[in-house]
């Protein structure tokens, strides 16, 4: 996803995962971007303050049908462009939702979830609001502590705490955005969330997302690239537009 607070993209987690896996195999890295896979699925994108003032009508004309907008990070950061991006997406006819970038070493999952919900991460069963999303990936601020200094058991507890608070406040479990490599390394490939959390898998430069983590048998969203015709990162929804609306309503 696009990274805030600097001019660089928040691709560190995804790229670190890919490069680590490639180092083990000795393979050459695939191109960061590929042609849009699985033509016919609803296309979307995710943005943060890096994209600033998005031309949402143009994104809609390019084929966007949904978007996720970064709202918060830890309990100290709010995307200053969130309101314009979030409301602009809706005015352009997109189904949109908010996401939170997790920093599990800064505060509890419940505290970060509460902060997120207060600052854009709420949900309504109106058919145009996607469920809140948790973006959890390699630590972009400290390469020595890629799992934020938490053991696998503590990481699973942190995610559960976040999820429970989001559900308590909104009535929905959050969508979980991650990579297979991070999930395996930092949660021990926990299967604790696959039964009741939608998966937003990040896997770039290939025609399919590959092996899914933690007992998930299918993905709901797939971030397949960081560049493309839409502002920010490029995503797909695994279903029809009607199914996307139903998912937004909670069905």
Protein backbone atom coordinates (compact mmCIF):
# COMPACT_ATOMS: atom_id res chain seq x y z
CA UNK A 1 0.00 0.00 0.00
CA UNK A 2 1.05 3.59 -0.44
CA UNK A 3 3.14 4.82 2.45
CA UNK A 4 2.51 8.08 4.29
CA UNK A 5 5.00 10.41 5.97
CA UNK A 6 7.54 10.34 3.14
CA UNK A 7 7.74 10.46 -0.65
CA UNK A 8 8.42 6.74 -0.85
CA UNK A 9 5.69 4.14 -1.16
CA UNK A 10 4.90 1.82 1.68
CA UNK A 11 6.06 -1.18 -0.34
CA UNK A 12 8.67 -2.24 2.19
CA UNK A 13 6.71 -5.12 3.62
CA UNK A 14 5.68 -6.59 0.30
CA UNK A 15 9.11 -6.14 -1.27
CA UNK A 16 10.92 -7.53 1.75
CA UNK A 17 8.74 -10.61 1.61
CA UNK A 18 9.35 -11.10 -2.09
CA UNK A 19 13.08 -10.54 -1.86
CA UNK A 20 13.45 -12.86 1.11
CA UNK A 21 11.65 -15.62 -0.72
CA UNK A 22 13.71 -15.06 -3.85
CA UNK A 23 16.93 -15.15 -1.88
CA UNK A 24 16.03 -18.64 -0.72
CA UNK A 25 15.27 -19.88 -4.22
CA UNK A 26 17.93 -18.01 -6.14
CA UNK A 27 15.30 -16.88 -8.62
CA UNK A 28 15.27 -13.52 -10.33
CA UNK A 29 12.59 -11.11 -9.10
CA UNK A 30 9.54 -10.77 -11.32
CA UNK A 31 8.61 -7.37 -12.66
CA UNK A 32 6.90 -5.27 -10.02
CA UNK A 33 3.91 -4.74 -12.27
CA UNK A 34 2.11 -7.06 -14.64
CA UNK A 35 -0.85 -6.82 -16.94
CA UNK A 36 -4.13 -6.70 -15.06
CA UNK A 37 -4.88 -10.36 -14.24
CA UNK A 38 -8.27 -12.05 -14.28
CA UNK A 39 -10.05 -9.64 -16.58
CA UNK A 40 -13.69 -9.17 -15.69
CA UNK A 41 -13.32 -8.92 -11.92
CA UNK A 42 -14.16 -5.55 -10.32
CA UNK A 43 -11.09 -3.34 -10.25
CA UNK A 44 -10.13 -1.05 -7.40
CA UNK A 45 -7.23 0.70 -5.75
CA UNK A 46 -5.92 1.81 -2.37
CA UNK A 47 -4.57 5.25 -1.58
CA UNK A 48 -3.03 7.24 1.26
CA UNK A 49 -1.74 10.77 1.75
CA UNK A 50 0.91 9.99 -0.87
CA UNK A 51 -1.78 10.40 -3.56
CA UNK A 52 -3.11 13.59 -1.99
CA UNK A 53 -6.03 14.92 -4.06
CA UNK A 54 -7.23 12.02 -6.18
CA UNK A 55 -9.17 12.62 -9.38
CA UNK A 56 -11.92 10.19 -8.49
CA UNK A 57 -14.16 10.74 -11.54
CA UNK A 58 -11.17 9.89 -13.75
CA UNK A 59 -10.48 6.77 -11.68
CA UNK A 60 -14.11 5.74 -12.10
CA UNK A 61 -13.85 6.33 -15.85
CA UNK A 62 -10.71 4.14 -15.91
CA UNK A 63 -12.70 1.27 -14.42
CA UNK A 64 -12.41 1.63 -10.65
CA UNK A 65 -15.38 0.23 -8.76
CA UNK A 66 -14.01 0.28 -5.20
CA UNK A 67 -11.27 1.88 -3.16
CA UNK A 68 -9.64 1.61 0.25
CA UNK A 69 -8.33 4.82 1.83
CA UNK A 70 -5.75 4.96 4.61
CA UNK A 71 -7.24 6.58 7.70
CA UNK A 72 -4.79 6.03 10.54
CA UNK A 73 -1.52 4.56 11.75
CA UNK A 74 -0.82 3.48 15.33
CA UNK A 75 -2.64 5.94 17.65
CA UNK A 76 -0.77 9.06 16.61
CA UNK A 77 -1.28 9.55 12.87
CA UNK A 78 -4.25 10.52 10.74
CA UNK A 79 -4.16 10.85 6.96
CA UNK A 80 -4.68 14.61 6.42
CA UNK A 81 -6.32 13.90 3.04
CA UNK A 82 -8.64 11.20 4.33
CA UNK A 83 -11.93 13.08 4.30
CA UNK A 84 -11.43 14.39 0.77
CA UNK A 85 -10.31 11.01 -0.53
CA UNK A 86 -12.98 8.97 1.25
CA UNK A 87 -15.88 11.27 0.40
CA UNK A 88 -14.55 11.93 -3.09
CA UNK A 89 -14.54 8.22 -3.85
CA UNK A 90 -18.16 7.95 -2.79
CA UNK A 91 -19.24 11.00 -4.82
CA UNK A 92 -17.66 9.40 -7.88
CA UNK A 93 -19.75 6.26 -7.36
CA UNK A 94 -17.13 3.96 -5.85
CA UNK A 95 -17.73 1.57 -2.99
CA UNK A 96 -15.11 2.62 -0.47
CA UNK A 97 -13.66 1.69 2.88
CA UNK A 98 -10.94 2.75 5.30
CA UNK A 99 -7.79 0.96 6.42
CA UNK A 100 -5.45 1.21 9.39
CA UNK A 101 -1.70 0.62 9.23
CA UNK A 102 -0.74 -1.45 12.26
CA UNK A 103 2.30 -0.75 14.41
CA UNK A 104 1.99 -3.51 17.04
CA UNK A 105 5.04 -2.31 18.96
CA UNK A 106 3.48 1.07 19.75
CA UNK A 107 0.24 0.20 21.55
CA UNK A 108 -2.33 -2.54 21.98
CA UNK A 109 -4.53 -3.85 19.21
CA UNK A 110 -7.63 -2.62 21.00
CA UNK A 111 -6.21 0.88 21.41
CA UNK A 112 -5.29 1.14 17.74
CA UNK A 113 -8.67 -0.23 16.66
CA UNK A 114 -10.52 2.31 18.79
CA UNK A 115 -8.41 5.14 17.37
CA UNK A 116 -9.06 3.87 13.85
CA UNK A 117 -12.84 3.66 14.29
CA UNK A 118 -12.95 7.17 15.77
CA UNK A 119 -11.06 8.59 12.82
CA UNK A 120 -12.66 7.08 9.75
CA UNK A 121 -12.77 3.32 10.30
CA UNK A 122 -16.45 3.03 11.11
CA UNK A 123 -18.84 0.90 9.03
CA UNK A 124 -22.47 1.07 7.98
CA UNK A 125 -24.54 -1.57 6.22
CA UNK A 126 -25.41 0.81 3.38
CA UNK A 127 -23.94 -1.18 0.50
CA UNK A 128 -21.34 1.48 -0.31
CA UNK A 129 -19.07 1.17 2.76
CA UNK A 130 -16.53 -1.63 2.81
CA UNK A 131 -15.66 -3.19 6.17
CA UNK A 132 -12.68 -1.70 8.03
CA UNK A 133 -9.34 -3.16 6.99
CA UNK A 134 -6.20 -3.92 9.00
CA UNK A 135 -2.95 -3.50 7.07
CA UNK A 136 -0.32 -5.62 8.82
CA UNK A 137 3.05 -6.23 7.18
CA UNK A 138 6.78 -5.92 7.72
CA UNK A 139 7.89 -3.05 9.95
CA UNK A 140 8.84 -0.19 7.60
CA UNK A 141 10.57 1.76 10.36
CA UNK A 142 12.92 -0.84 11.84
CA UNK A 143 14.37 -3.55 9.61
CA UNK A 144 15.89 -5.32 12.62
CA UNK A 145 12.44 -5.94 14.09
CA UNK A 146 10.38 -6.95 11.09
CA UNK A 147 7.75 -8.51 13.35
CA UNK A 148 7.79 -5.48 15.66
CA UNK A 149 9.58 -7.36 18.42
CA UNK A 150 6.56 -9.56 19.15
CA UNK A 151 6.60 -13.32 19.39
CA UNK A 152 4.25 -15.20 17.11
CA UNK A 153 1.79 -15.87 19.95
CA UNK A 154 1.82 -12.23 21.00
CA UNK A 155 1.27 -11.13 17.40
CA UNK A 156 -1.77 -13.38 17.09
CA UNK A 157 -3.11 -11.94 20.35
CA UNK A 158 -2.49 -8.40 19.08
CA UNK A 159 -4.44 -9.05 15.87
CA UNK A 160 -7.25 -10.69 17.83
CA UNK A 161 -7.42 -7.70 20.17
CA UNK A 162 -7.67 -5.34 17.20
CA UNK A 163 -10.34 -7.48 15.55
CA UNK A 164 -12.43 -7.82 18.69
CA UNK A 165 -12.48 -4.07 19.24
CA UNK A 166 -13.41 -3.33 15.62
CA UNK A 167 -16.25 -5.83 15.85
CA UNK A 168 -17.42 -4.43 19.18
CA UNK A 169 -17.56 -0.90 17.77
CA UNK A 170 -18.75 -1.54 14.21
CA UNK A 171 -20.35 -4.98 14.11
CA UNK A 172 -17.90 -6.25 11.47
CA UNK A 173 -14.65 -8.16 11.64
CA UNK A 174 -11.89 -6.32 9.80
CA UNK A 175 -10.53 -7.40 6.45
CA UNK A 176 -6.89 -8.45 6.92
CA UNK A 177 -4.32 -7.16 4.43
CA UNK A 178 -1.01 -9.03 4.51
CA UNK A 179 1.46 -11.15 2.56
CA UNK A 180 1.88 -14.89 2.87
CA UNK A 181 5.53 -14.43 3.77
CA UNK A 182 4.85 -11.97 6.60
CA UNK A 183 1.97 -14.00 7.99
CA UNK A 184 4.11 -17.12 8.10
CA UNK A 185 7.10 -15.39 9.62
CA UNK A 186 5.30 -13.28 12.20
CA UNK A 187 2.24 -15.34 13.21
CA UNK A 188 3.58 -18.84 12.56
CA UNK A 189 1.03 -19.09 9.73
CA UNK A 190 -1.79 -18.90 12.28
CA UNK A 191 -5.14 -20.31 11.16
CA UNK A 192 -7.01 -18.38 13.85
CA UNK A 193 -8.57 -15.82 11.51
CA UNK A 194 -9.40 -17.58 8.25
CA UNK A 195 -12.89 -18.66 9.28
CA UNK A 196 -14.28 -15.18 9.99
CA UNK A 197 -11.97 -12.60 8.40
CA UNK A 198 -11.84 -11.70 4.72
CA UNK A 199 -8.33 -11.84 3.25
CA UNK A 200 -6.77 -9.00 1.27
CA UNK A 201 -3.63 -10.63 -0.11
CA UNK A 202 -0.69 -8.64 -1.45
CA UNK A 203 1.20 -10.46 -4.21
CA UNK A 204 2.71 -8.54 -7.09
CA UNK A 205 3.97 -9.30 -10.57
CA UNK A 206 2.19 -12.61 -11.25
CA UNK A 207 -1.01 -13.85 -12.84
CA UNK A 208 -2.37 -15.17 -9.54
CA UNK A 209 -1.71 -14.48 -5.85
CA UNK A 210 -0.07 -17.86 -5.23
CA UNK A 211 -0.21 -19.73 -1.94
CA UNK A 212 -2.50 -18.14 0.62
CA UNK A 213 -1.61 -17.90 4.30
CA UNK A 214 -3.12 -19.22 7.49
CA UNK A 215 -5.87 -21.56 6.37
CA UNK A 216 -7.54 -19.14 3.98
CA UNK A 217 -8.93 -21.08 1.04
CA UNK A 218 -9.73 -18.02 -1.07
CA UNK A 219 -8.97 -14.33 -1.22
CA UNK A 220 -11.53 -11.51 -1.19
CA UNK A 221 -9.25 -8.70 -2.37
CA UNK A 222 -5.94 -9.03 -4.19
CA UNK A 223 -3.42 -6.21 -4.43
CA UNK A 224 -1.60 -7.26 -7.59
CA UNK A 225 0.54 -4.21 -8.32
CA UNK A 226 1.77 -0.84 -7.13
CA UNK A 227 1.46 0.94 -10.48
CA UNK A 228 -1.23 0.95 -13.08
CA UNK A 229 -4.07 2.99 -14.56
CA UNK A 230 -5.58 3.81 -11.16
CA UNK A 231 -4.06 6.11 -8.52
CA UNK A 232 -2.14 4.19 -5.85
CA UNK A 233 -1.96 0.41 -5.64
CA UNK A 234 -3.97 -1.85 -7.94
CA UNK A 235 -6.56 -4.26 -6.55
CA UNK A 236 -9.20 -6.78 -7.60
CA UNK A 237 -12.30 -8.12 -5.87
CA UNK A 238 -12.99 -11.83 -6.28
CA UNK A 239 -16.61 -11.68 -7.39
CA UNK A 240 -19.11 -9.62 -9.33
CA UNK A 241 -20.01 -5.99 -8.65
CA UNK A 242 -23.29 -7.23 -7.19
CA UNK A 243 -21.33 -9.51 -4.86
CA UNK A 244 -19.10 -6.57 -3.91
CA UNK A 245 -22.17 -4.56 -2.89
CA UNK A 246 -23.47 -7.53 -0.90
CA UNK A 247 -20.10 -7.87 0.84
CA UNK A 248 -20.23 -4.18 1.71
CA UNK A 249 -23.67 -4.69 3.26
CA UNK A 250 -22.37 -7.56 5.37
CA UNK A 251 -23.83 -10.50 3.41
